[in-house]
N, C-alpha and C. Protein backbone atom coordinates (compact mmCIF):
# COMPACT_ATOMS: atom_id res chain seq x y z
N UNK A 1 16.63 33.78 18.96
CA UNK A 1 16.79 33.32 17.77
C UNK A 1 15.76 32.62 16.77
N UNK A 2 15.03 31.79 17.82
CA UNK A 2 14.19 31.40 17.58
C UNK A 2 12.49 32.00 17.37
N UNK A 3 12.58 32.87 18.14
CA UNK A 3 11.74 33.70 17.85
C UNK A 3 11.63 34.97 16.31
N UNK A 4 12.83 35.29 16.09
CA UNK A 4 13.07 35.65 14.91
C UNK A 4 13.45 34.85 13.79
N UNK A 5 13.19 33.82 13.88
CA UNK A 5 13.14 32.65 12.27
C UNK A 5 11.33 32.52 12.73
N UNK A 6 10.61 32.72 13.52
CA UNK A 6 9.25 33.00 13.99
C UNK A 6 8.53 33.98 13.24
N UNK A 7 9.03 34.76 13.56
CA UNK A 7 8.77 36.46 12.99
C UNK A 7 8.84 36.42 11.35
N UNK A 8 10.04 35.88 10.90
CA UNK A 8 10.20 35.86 9.11
C UNK A 8 9.20 34.83 8.81
N UNK A 9 9.16 33.69 9.47
CA UNK A 9 8.67 32.60 8.98
C UNK A 9 7.26 33.24 8.46
N UNK A 10 6.40 34.16 9.60
CA UNK A 10 5.22 34.70 9.64
C UNK A 10 4.71 35.76 8.40
N UNK A 11 6.04 36.60 8.57
CA UNK A 11 6.06 37.40 7.54
C UNK A 11 5.93 37.09 6.10
N UNK A 12 6.72 35.71 5.81
CA UNK A 12 7.09 34.92 4.16
C UNK A 12 5.43 34.78 3.93
N UNK A 13 4.64 34.22 5.12
CA UNK A 13 3.15 33.50 5.17
C UNK A 13 2.20 34.48 4.67
N UNK A 14 2.44 35.79 5.43
CA UNK A 14 1.71 37.12 4.76
C UNK A 14 2.37 37.80 3.57
N UNK A 15 3.01 37.30 3.02
CA UNK A 15 3.81 38.15 1.65
C UNK A 15 3.18 37.18 0.89
N UNK A 16 3.11 35.85 0.76
CA UNK A 16 2.87 35.10 0.29
C UNK A 16 1.18 34.96 -0.79
N UNK A 17 0.91 34.96 -1.86
CA UNK A 17 -0.30 35.00 -2.34
C UNK A 17 -0.59 33.26 -2.77
N UNK A 18 -1.71 32.44 -2.45
CA UNK A 18 -2.30 31.38 -2.64
C UNK A 18 -2.24 31.58 -4.04
N UNK A 19 -2.35 29.90 -4.81
CA UNK A 19 -2.81 30.32 -6.26
C UNK A 19 -3.92 30.13 -6.18
N UNK A 20 -5.20 29.62 -5.33
CA UNK A 20 -6.32 30.12 -6.13
C UNK A 20 -6.35 31.95 -5.79
N UNK A 21 -5.86 32.68 -4.88
CA UNK A 21 -5.82 34.26 -5.20
C UNK A 21 -5.49 34.57 -6.42
N UNK A 22 -4.27 33.83 -6.95
CA UNK A 22 -3.96 34.01 -8.37
C UNK A 22 -4.57 34.02 -9.67
N UNK A 23 -5.54 32.61 -9.26
CA UNK A 23 -6.52 32.59 -10.59
C UNK A 23 -7.82 33.01 -10.21
N UNK A 24 -8.34 33.23 -11.93
CA UNK A 24 -9.83 33.80 -11.47
C UNK A 24 -10.98 32.97 -11.18
N UNK A 25 -11.99 33.34 -11.02
CA UNK A 25 -13.14 32.20 -10.18
C UNK A 25 -13.56 31.62 -10.96
N UNK A 26 -13.35 32.17 -12.24
CA UNK A 26 -14.02 30.89 -13.48
C UNK A 26 -13.24 29.42 -13.49
N UNK A 27 -12.26 30.02 -13.59
CA UNK A 27 -11.26 29.19 -13.52
C UNK A 27 -11.30 27.64 -12.15
N UNK A 28 -10.83 28.91 -11.21
CA UNK A 28 -11.39 27.91 -9.77
C UNK A 28 -12.51 26.98 -10.42
N UNK A 29 -13.65 27.48 -10.32
CA UNK A 29 -14.90 26.45 -10.70
C UNK A 29 -14.89 25.47 -11.59
N UNK A 30 -14.28 25.63 -12.72
CA UNK A 30 -13.50 24.69 -13.50
C UNK A 30 -12.76 23.25 -13.32
N UNK A 31 -12.17 24.21 -12.38
CA UNK A 31 -11.03 23.06 -11.71
C UNK A 31 -11.52 22.28 -10.73
N UNK A 32 -12.29 23.02 -9.72
CA UNK A 32 -13.70 22.05 -8.88
C UNK A 32 -13.96 21.02 -9.80
N UNK A 33 -15.00 21.54 -10.74
CA UNK A 33 -15.99 20.82 -11.32
C UNK A 33 -14.95 19.64 -11.86
N UNK A 34 -13.79 19.81 -12.33
CA UNK A 34 -13.53 18.35 -12.77
C UNK A 34 -12.55 17.69 -11.86
N UNK A 35 -12.35 18.57 -10.82
CA UNK A 35 -12.08 17.32 -9.72
C UNK A 35 -13.23 16.72 -9.00
N UNK A 36 -14.46 17.23 -9.19
CA UNK A 36 -15.63 16.66 -8.78
C UNK A 36 -15.96 15.39 -9.74
N UNK A 37 -16.01 15.41 -11.06
CA UNK A 37 -15.99 14.67 -11.96
C UNK A 37 -15.03 13.84 -11.74
N UNK A 38 -13.90 13.78 -11.62
CA UNK A 38 -12.59 12.52 -11.48
C UNK A 38 -13.19 11.70 -10.27
N UNK A 39 -13.76 12.58 -9.28
CA UNK A 39 -13.85 11.68 -8.23
C UNK A 39 -15.22 10.52 -8.21
N UNK A 40 -16.51 11.29 -8.87
CA UNK A 40 -17.33 10.43 -9.04
C UNK A 40 -16.67 9.67 -10.63
N UNK A 41 -16.07 9.51 -11.04
CA UNK A 41 -15.50 8.25 -12.65
C UNK A 41 -14.93 7.31 -11.78
N UNK A 42 -14.17 8.07 -10.54
CA UNK A 42 -13.38 6.62 -9.69
C UNK A 42 -14.11 5.95 -9.06
N UNK A 43 -15.48 6.77 -8.10
CA UNK A 43 -16.36 5.82 -7.15
C UNK A 43 -17.16 4.81 -8.37
N UNK A 44 -17.25 5.42 -9.65
CA UNK A 44 -18.02 4.64 -10.29
C UNK A 44 -16.76 3.16 -10.90
N UNK A 45 -15.67 3.13 -11.06
CA UNK A 45 -14.93 2.67 -11.21
C UNK A 45 -14.88 1.34 -10.45
N UNK A 46 -14.78 1.98 -9.10
CA UNK A 46 -14.57 1.11 -7.61
C UNK A 46 -16.24 -0.21 -7.77
N UNK A 47 -17.37 0.69 -7.76
CA UNK A 47 -18.32 0.00 -8.20
C UNK A 47 -18.71 -0.99 -8.86
N UNK A 48 -17.78 -0.82 -10.24
CA UNK A 48 -17.66 -1.65 -11.29
C UNK A 48 -16.93 -2.93 -11.44
N UNK A 49 -15.70 -2.40 -10.31
CA UNK A 49 -14.95 -3.59 -9.69
C UNK A 49 -15.65 -4.24 -8.99
N UNK A 50 -16.54 -3.95 -8.05
CA UNK A 50 -16.80 -4.93 -7.20
C UNK A 50 -17.99 -5.76 -7.17
N UNK A 51 -18.61 -5.01 -8.50
CA UNK A 51 -19.70 -5.85 -9.14
C UNK A 51 -19.41 -6.79 -9.81
N UNK A 52 -17.79 -7.06 -10.54
CA UNK A 52 -17.54 -7.81 -11.11
C UNK A 52 -16.97 -8.95 -10.57
N UNK A 53 -16.24 -8.23 -9.27
CA UNK A 53 -15.75 -9.42 -8.27
C UNK A 53 -16.88 -10.14 -8.12
N UNK A 54 -18.46 -9.65 -7.58
CA UNK A 54 -19.01 -10.52 -7.01
C UNK A 54 -19.95 -11.36 -8.39
N UNK A 55 -20.26 -10.99 -9.08
CA UNK A 55 -20.27 -11.81 -10.38
C UNK A 55 -19.11 -13.04 -10.49
N UNK A 56 -18.34 -12.45 -10.58
CA UNK A 56 -17.30 -13.97 -10.73
C UNK A 56 -17.60 -14.56 -9.33
N UNK A 57 -17.41 -14.52 -8.26
CA UNK A 57 -17.65 -15.61 -7.08
C UNK A 57 -19.26 -16.04 -7.50
N UNK A 58 -19.82 -15.17 -7.77
CA UNK A 58 -20.95 -16.69 -8.26
C UNK A 58 -21.55 -17.42 -8.96
N UNK A 59 -20.49 -16.86 -10.16
CA UNK A 59 -20.18 -17.79 -11.42
C UNK A 59 -19.10 -19.07 -10.90
N UNK A 60 -18.39 -18.48 -10.01
CA UNK A 60 -17.39 -19.54 -9.25
C UNK A 60 -18.76 -20.41 -8.54
N UNK A 61 -19.22 -20.26 -7.78
CA UNK A 61 -20.11 -20.62 -6.82
C UNK A 61 -20.94 -21.86 -7.62
N UNK A 62 -21.67 -21.16 -8.93
CA UNK A 62 -22.58 -21.96 -9.29
C UNK A 62 -21.97 -23.19 -10.00
N UNK A 63 -20.29 -22.98 -10.65
CA UNK A 63 -19.94 -23.84 -11.17
C UNK A 63 -19.20 -25.24 -10.47
N UNK A 64 -19.52 -24.96 -9.42
CA UNK A 64 -18.55 -26.26 -8.35
C UNK A 64 -19.08 -27.33 -8.40
N UNK A 65 -18.43 -28.61 -8.27
CA UNK A 65 -18.80 -29.69 -8.18
C UNK A 65 -19.44 -30.40 -7.24
N UNK A 66 -20.40 -31.39 -6.93
CA UNK A 66 -20.45 -31.86 -5.56
C UNK A 66 -19.73 -32.29 -4.43
N UNK A 67 -18.11 -32.53 -5.19
CA UNK A 67 -17.48 -32.78 -4.58
C UNK A 67 -17.00 -31.49 -3.36
N UNK A 68 -16.68 -30.37 -3.91
CA UNK A 68 -16.20 -29.53 -3.26
C UNK A 68 -16.84 -28.93 -2.43
N UNK A 69 -18.56 -29.09 -2.94
CA UNK A 69 -19.48 -28.55 -2.12
C UNK A 69 -19.43 -29.20 -0.75
N UNK A 70 -19.36 -30.81 -1.18
CA UNK A 70 -19.36 -31.67 -0.11
C UNK A 70 -18.50 -30.97 0.82
N UNK A 71 -16.95 -31.12 0.75
CA UNK A 71 -15.91 -31.04 1.30
C UNK A 71 -16.03 -29.50 1.90
N UNK A 72 -16.96 -28.78 1.64
CA UNK A 72 -16.96 -27.24 2.06
C UNK A 72 -18.40 -27.13 3.05
N UNK A 73 -19.13 -28.47 3.22
CA UNK A 73 -20.05 -28.14 3.94
C UNK A 73 -19.16 -28.63 5.64
N UNK A 74 -19.89 -27.63 6.41
CA UNK A 74 -19.85 -27.81 7.70
C UNK A 74 -20.46 -29.59 8.90
N UNK A 75 -21.39 -29.72 7.63
CA UNK A 75 -22.36 -31.06 8.67
C UNK A 75 -21.48 -32.16 8.43
N UNK A 76 -21.84 -32.79 9.73
CA UNK A 76 -21.02 -34.12 9.91
C UNK A 76 -21.82 -34.58 9.29
N UNK A 77 -21.39 -35.71 8.29
CA UNK A 77 -22.51 -36.79 7.86
C UNK A 77 -22.74 -37.79 8.69
N UNK A 78 -21.08 -38.21 9.21
CA UNK A 78 -21.76 -39.76 10.41
C UNK A 78 -22.67 -39.36 11.39
N UNK A 79 -23.40 -38.09 12.00
CA UNK A 79 -24.32 -38.20 12.61
C UNK A 79 -25.69 -38.36 12.06
N UNK A 80 -25.86 -38.43 10.85
CA UNK A 80 -26.97 -38.43 10.30
C UNK A 80 -27.14 -39.98 9.58
N UNK A 81 -26.08 -41.07 9.94
CA UNK A 81 -26.37 -42.10 9.46
C UNK A 81 -27.52 -43.15 10.47
């Protein structure tokens, strides 16, 4: 029974024509170019987000008060007395 199902599924796979086979080559090339452009655009978006986060972090660090900087310091000021 299992062998029979395997043979049927193999026949179905052989009979099926993939979408790529049905489309003409120009359309496939256009779709691949579009995919490449979308991937490139997504990479640029992620890079811009990272740059914006870095800029915001630097701006926040620049605007910290002396008290905030003092509290974040790891130095033990008692040792320098």
